[in-house]
Amino acid sequence: MCAVTAEAAAFTATWRVGSRTVTLTSPHPKPGQALSAVVEWDPAMPLKLTPAELVQYRAGRDAALADMAQALGITVAVVG
């Protein structure tokens, strides 16, 4: 049997991209370990963004990551 635990998010940010809402959520950082944030799209992740939507997404993502770094006292990098 596998035990499943739920942990409240340490950081959450939401922004608009076109007609969609994007939410970035991060757990509490653990000393010495890498941290992965989750990005969710509502109603669904698009297959392709227009150039204007890409600008909106990146601006929102960059602002959210800067806020997350400040709030959690961590260094943030985008990989991939």
C-alpha atoms as a PDB file:
ATOM      1  CA  MET A   1       0.000   0.000   0.000  1.00  0.00           C
ATOM      2  CA  CYS A   2       1.222   3.495  -0.868  1.00  0.00           C
ATOM      3  CA  ALA A   3       0.703   6.454   1.446  1.00  0.00           C
ATOM      4  CA  VAL A   4      -0.266   9.691  -0.284  1.00  0.00           C
ATOM      5  CA  THR A   5       0.195  13.010   1.445  1.00  0.00           C
ATOM      6  CA  ALA A   6      -1.056  16.417   0.433  1.00  0.00           C
ATOM      7  CA  GLU A   7       0.972  19.517   1.090  1.00  0.00           C
ATOM      8  CA  ALA A   8      -0.309  23.063   0.812  1.00  0.00           C
ATOM      9  CA  ALA A   9       1.334  25.144  -1.879  1.00  0.00           C
ATOM     10  CA  ALA A  10       4.032  27.521  -0.688  1.00  0.00           C
ATOM     11  CA  PHE A  11       3.457  29.856  -3.629  1.00  0.00           C
ATOM     12  CA  THR A  12       0.723  30.367  -6.215  1.00  0.00           C
ATOM     13  CA  ALA A  13       0.457  32.950  -8.997  1.00  0.00           C
ATOM     14  CA  THR A  14      -2.218  33.362 -11.675  1.00  0.00           C
ATOM     15  CA  TRP A  15      -2.247  35.427 -14.884  1.00  0.00           C
ATOM     16  CA  ARG A  16      -4.177  35.677 -18.157  1.00  0.00           C
ATOM     17  CA  VAL A  17      -2.970  34.554 -21.568  1.00  0.00           C
ATOM     18  CA  GLY A  18      -5.557  35.449 -24.193  1.00  0.00           C
ATOM     19  CA  SER A  19      -8.809  33.833 -23.090  1.00  0.00           C
ATOM     20  CA  ARG A  20      -7.064  31.358 -20.774  1.00  0.00           C
ATOM     21  CA  THR A  21      -5.959  31.516 -17.152  1.00  0.00           C
ATOM     22  CA  VAL A  22      -2.524  30.215 -16.211  1.00  0.00           C
ATOM     23  CA  THR A  23      -1.676  29.182 -12.636  1.00  0.00           C
ATOM     24  CA  LEU A  24       1.835  28.464 -11.375  1.00  0.00           C
ATOM     25  CA  THR A  25       2.045  26.540  -8.083  1.00  0.00           C
ATOM     26  CA  SER A  26       5.116  25.586  -6.067  1.00  0.00           C
ATOM     27  CA  PRO A  27       5.582  23.426  -2.972  1.00  0.00           C
ATOM     28  CA  HIS A  28       7.766  24.448  -0.028  1.00  0.00           C
ATOM     29  CA  PRO A  29      11.465  24.231  -0.920  1.00  0.00           C
ATOM     30  CA  LYS A  30      13.527  21.599   0.876  1.00  0.00           C
ATOM     31  CA  PRO A  31      17.129  22.555   1.697  1.00  0.00           C
ATOM     32  CA  GLY A  32      19.605  21.248  -0.858  1.00  0.00           C
ATOM     33  CA  GLN A  33      16.975  19.875  -3.240  1.00  0.00           C
ATOM     34  CA  ALA A  34      15.734  21.067  -6.631  1.00  0.00           C
ATOM     35  CA  LEU A  35      12.187  22.380  -6.766  1.00  0.00           C
ATOM     36  CA  SER A  36       9.679  21.949  -9.582  1.00  0.00           C
ATOM     37  CA  ALA A  37       6.739  24.275 -10.081  1.00  0.00           C
ATOM     38  CA  VAL A  38       3.535  23.176 -11.800  1.00  0.00           C
ATOM     39  CA  VAL A  39       1.876  25.277 -14.520  1.00  0.00           C
ATOM     40  CA  GLU A  40      -1.819  24.636 -15.200  1.00  0.00           C
ATOM     41  CA  TRP A  41      -3.958  26.112 -17.973  1.00  0.00           C
ATOM     42  CA  ASP A  42      -7.692  26.712 -17.756  1.00  0.00           C
ATOM     43  CA  PRO A  43      -9.687  25.658 -19.670  1.00  0.00           C
ATOM     44  CA  ALA A  44      -6.864  23.676 -21.368  1.00  0.00           C
ATOM     45  CA  MET A  45      -3.277  24.105 -22.493  1.00  0.00           C
ATOM     46  CA  PRO A  46      -3.243  25.377 -26.089  1.00  0.00           C
ATOM     47  CA  LEU A  47      -1.450  23.427 -28.782  1.00  0.00           C
ATOM     48  CA  LYS A  48       0.050  26.670 -30.074  1.00  0.00           C
ATOM     49  CA  LEU A  49       0.238  30.269 -28.869  1.00  0.00           C
ATOM     50  CA  THR A  50      -0.045  33.314 -31.094  1.00  0.00           C
ATOM     51  CA  PRO A  51       2.931  35.692 -30.952  1.00  0.00           C
ATOM     52  CA  ALA A  52       0.899  38.031 -28.696  1.00  0.00           C
ATOM     53  CA  GLU A  53      -0.088  35.154 -26.390  1.00  0.00           C
ATOM     54  CA  LEU A  54       3.537  34.025 -26.173  1.00  0.00           C
ATOM     55  CA  VAL A  55       4.518  37.533 -25.033  1.00  0.00           C
ATOM     56  CA  GLN A  56       1.706  37.453 -22.414  1.00  0.00           C
ATOM     57  CA  TYR A  57       2.726  33.995 -21.200  1.00  0.00           C
ATOM     58  CA  ARG A  58       6.415  34.830 -20.856  1.00  0.00           C
ATOM     59  CA  ALA A  59       5.733  38.153 -19.114  1.00  0.00           C
ATOM     60  CA  GLY A  60       3.382  36.463 -16.633  1.00  0.00           C
ATOM     61  CA  ARG A  61       5.736  33.518 -16.111  1.00  0.00           C
ATOM     62  CA  ASP A  62       8.761  35.736 -15.569  1.00  0.00           C
ATOM     63  CA  ALA A  63       6.881  37.954 -13.090  1.00  0.00           C
ATOM     64  CA  ALA A  64       5.529  34.901 -11.239  1.00  0.00           C
ATOM     65  CA  LEU A  65       8.987  33.322 -11.004  1.00  0.00           C
ATOM     66  CA  ALA A  66      10.528  36.575  -9.744  1.00  0.00           C
ATOM     67  CA  ASP A  67       7.783  36.834  -7.103  1.00  0.00           C
ATOM     68  CA  MET A  68       8.286  33.166  -6.163  1.00  0.00           C
ATOM     69  CA  ALA A  69      12.052  33.614  -5.783  1.00  0.00           C
ATOM     70  CA  GLN A  70      11.507  36.617  -3.530  1.00  0.00           C
ATOM     71  CA  ALA A  71       8.738  35.014  -1.468  1.00  0.00           C
ATOM     72  CA  LEU A  72      10.578  31.715  -0.908  1.00  0.00           C
ATOM     73  CA  GLY A  73      14.133  33.070  -0.780  1.00  0.00           C
ATOM     74  CA  ILE A  74      15.334  30.835  -3.607  1.00  0.00           C
ATOM     75  CA  THR A  75      17.136  31.124  -6.937  1.00  0.00           C
ATOM     76  CA  VAL A  76      14.917  30.316  -9.928  1.00  0.00           C
ATOM     77  CA  ALA A  77      15.912  29.031 -13.381  1.00  0.00           C
ATOM     78  CA  VAL A  78      13.776  28.073 -16.368  1.00  0.00           C
ATOM     79  CA  VAL A  79      14.906  24.814 -17.965  1.00  0.00           C
ATOM     80  CA  GLY A  80      13.560  23.415 -21.209  1.00  0.00           C
END
